[in-house]
Protein backbone atom coordinates (compact mmCIF):
# COMPACT_ATOMS: atom_id res chain seq x y z
CA MET A 1 73.84 104.38 114.29
CA ASN A 2 77.20 103.51 115.86
CA TYR A 3 80.25 103.72 113.76
CA GLU A 4 83.92 102.76 114.05
CA MET A 5 87.07 103.86 112.07
CA VAL A 6 89.12 100.93 111.00
CA LEU A 7 92.71 102.15 110.37
CA CYS A 8 95.24 99.99 108.70
CA ILE A 9 98.93 100.88 108.19
CA ILE A 10 100.31 98.62 105.39
CA ASN A 11 103.31 98.53 103.01
CA ALA A 12 102.80 100.77 99.96
CA GLY A 13 101.18 98.97 97.02
CA HIS A 14 98.81 96.73 99.00
CA SER A 15 95.83 98.91 99.62
CA GLN A 16 93.82 97.35 96.80
CA ASP A 17 94.02 93.96 98.20
CA LEU A 18 93.08 95.19 101.61
CA MET A 19 90.07 97.21 100.21
CA GLU A 20 88.76 94.16 98.30
CA ALA A 21 88.93 92.06 101.56
CA ALA A 22 87.27 94.82 103.58
CA LYS A 23 84.39 95.07 100.93
CA ARG A 24 83.78 91.47 101.12
CA ALA A 25 83.37 91.75 104.82
CA GLY A 26 80.75 94.57 104.32
CA ALA A 27 82.76 97.80 104.16
CA ARG A 28 81.46 100.07 101.39
CA GLY A 29 84.69 102.03 100.72
CA GLY A 30 87.70 103.69 102.31
CA THR A 31 90.27 106.47 101.94
CA ILE A 32 93.99 105.81 101.31
CA ILE A 33 96.73 108.18 102.47
CA ARG A 34 100.21 107.80 101.50
CA ALA A 35 102.67 107.79 104.44
CA ARG A 36 106.19 107.13 105.46
CA GLY A 37 107.19 104.73 108.31
CA THR A 38 109.79 105.63 110.88
CA ALA A 39 110.95 102.39 112.24
CA ASN A 40 114.48 101.91 113.73
CA PRO A 41 117.00 99.16 113.15
CA GLN A 42 116.22 97.58 116.61
CA ALA A 43 112.65 97.08 115.54
CA GLU A 44 113.87 95.17 112.32
CA GLU A 45 115.96 92.82 114.55
CA LEU A 46 113.18 92.45 117.17
CA PHE A 47 110.35 91.45 114.60
CA HIS A 48 112.77 89.66 112.22
CA ILE A 49 111.13 91.51 109.17
CA PRO A 50 112.53 94.26 107.17
CA ILE A 51 110.76 97.61 107.73
CA GLN A 52 109.53 99.29 104.41
CA PRO A 53 109.42 103.09 104.97
CA GLU A 54 106.80 103.72 102.22
CA LYS A 55 103.33 103.04 103.72
CA GLU A 56 99.72 103.49 103.06
CA ILE A 57 97.18 104.27 105.66
CA VAL A 58 93.62 102.99 104.88
CA MET A 59 90.72 104.52 106.77
CA ILE A 60 87.47 102.67 106.49
CA LEU A 61 84.38 103.90 108.32
CA VAL A 62 82.07 101.04 109.29
CA LYS A 63 79.05 100.27 111.26
CA SER A 64 80.07 98.88 114.66
CA ASP A 65 78.47 95.53 114.07
CA ILE A 66 80.69 94.80 111.18
CA LYS A 67 83.87 96.22 112.71
CA ASP A 68 85.31 92.82 113.71
CA ALA A 69 84.73 91.24 110.46
CA VAL A 70 86.52 94.12 108.60
CA LEU A 71 89.38 94.00 111.00
CA LYS A 72 89.90 90.32 110.48
CA ALA A 73 89.61 90.55 106.74
CA ALA A 74 92.12 93.37 106.67
CA TYR A 75 94.62 91.52 108.83
CA ASP A 76 94.13 88.23 106.90
CA SER A 77 94.79 89.94 103.59
CA CYS A 78 97.54 92.34 104.57
CA GLY A 79 98.72 91.43 108.16
CA LEU A 80 102.34 91.07 109.43
CA ASP A 81 102.69 87.72 107.99
CA SER A 82 101.83 88.87 104.37
CA ALA A 83 103.66 91.13 101.99
CA GLY A 84 101.58 94.01 103.17
CA GLN A 85 103.13 93.59 106.73
CA GLY A 86 100.20 95.67 108.11
CA ILE A 87 98.55 96.37 111.28
CA ALA A 88 94.94 97.12 111.89
CA PHE A 89 93.06 98.70 114.71
CA SER A 90 89.85 100.59 115.29
CA ILE A 91 88.73 103.71 117.10
CA PRO A 92 85.10 104.72 118.13
CA VAL A 93 83.53 107.53 116.11
CA ASP A 94 81.66 109.85 118.35
CA ARG A 95 79.84 111.70 115.58
CA ALA A 96 79.53 111.43 111.80
CA VAL A 97 77.73 113.54 109.25
CA GLY A 98 77.10 112.95 105.62
CA LEU A 99 76.36 109.31 105.89
CA SER A 100 73.21 107.75 104.70
């Protein structure tokens, strides 16, 4: 089985919305890590959005064939144009254990 790790970095407090969208796209679950952003004032001016320092990183391991659907669902629910102001990307998983 081929797997991908979908990583989403969003403003704190929006991970539940993201996980609900990801599950509708076929994900089975995820892990949420609290984090802190380090954007500088020039980034706020460039993107014309306030940068919230408190973040959440949502890690979702999915089968490769649903990766695009999960990425789209994550971005649609918590992307830059939403209150979550998030980004999402995926990385390939070389090996995984403990999966059924």
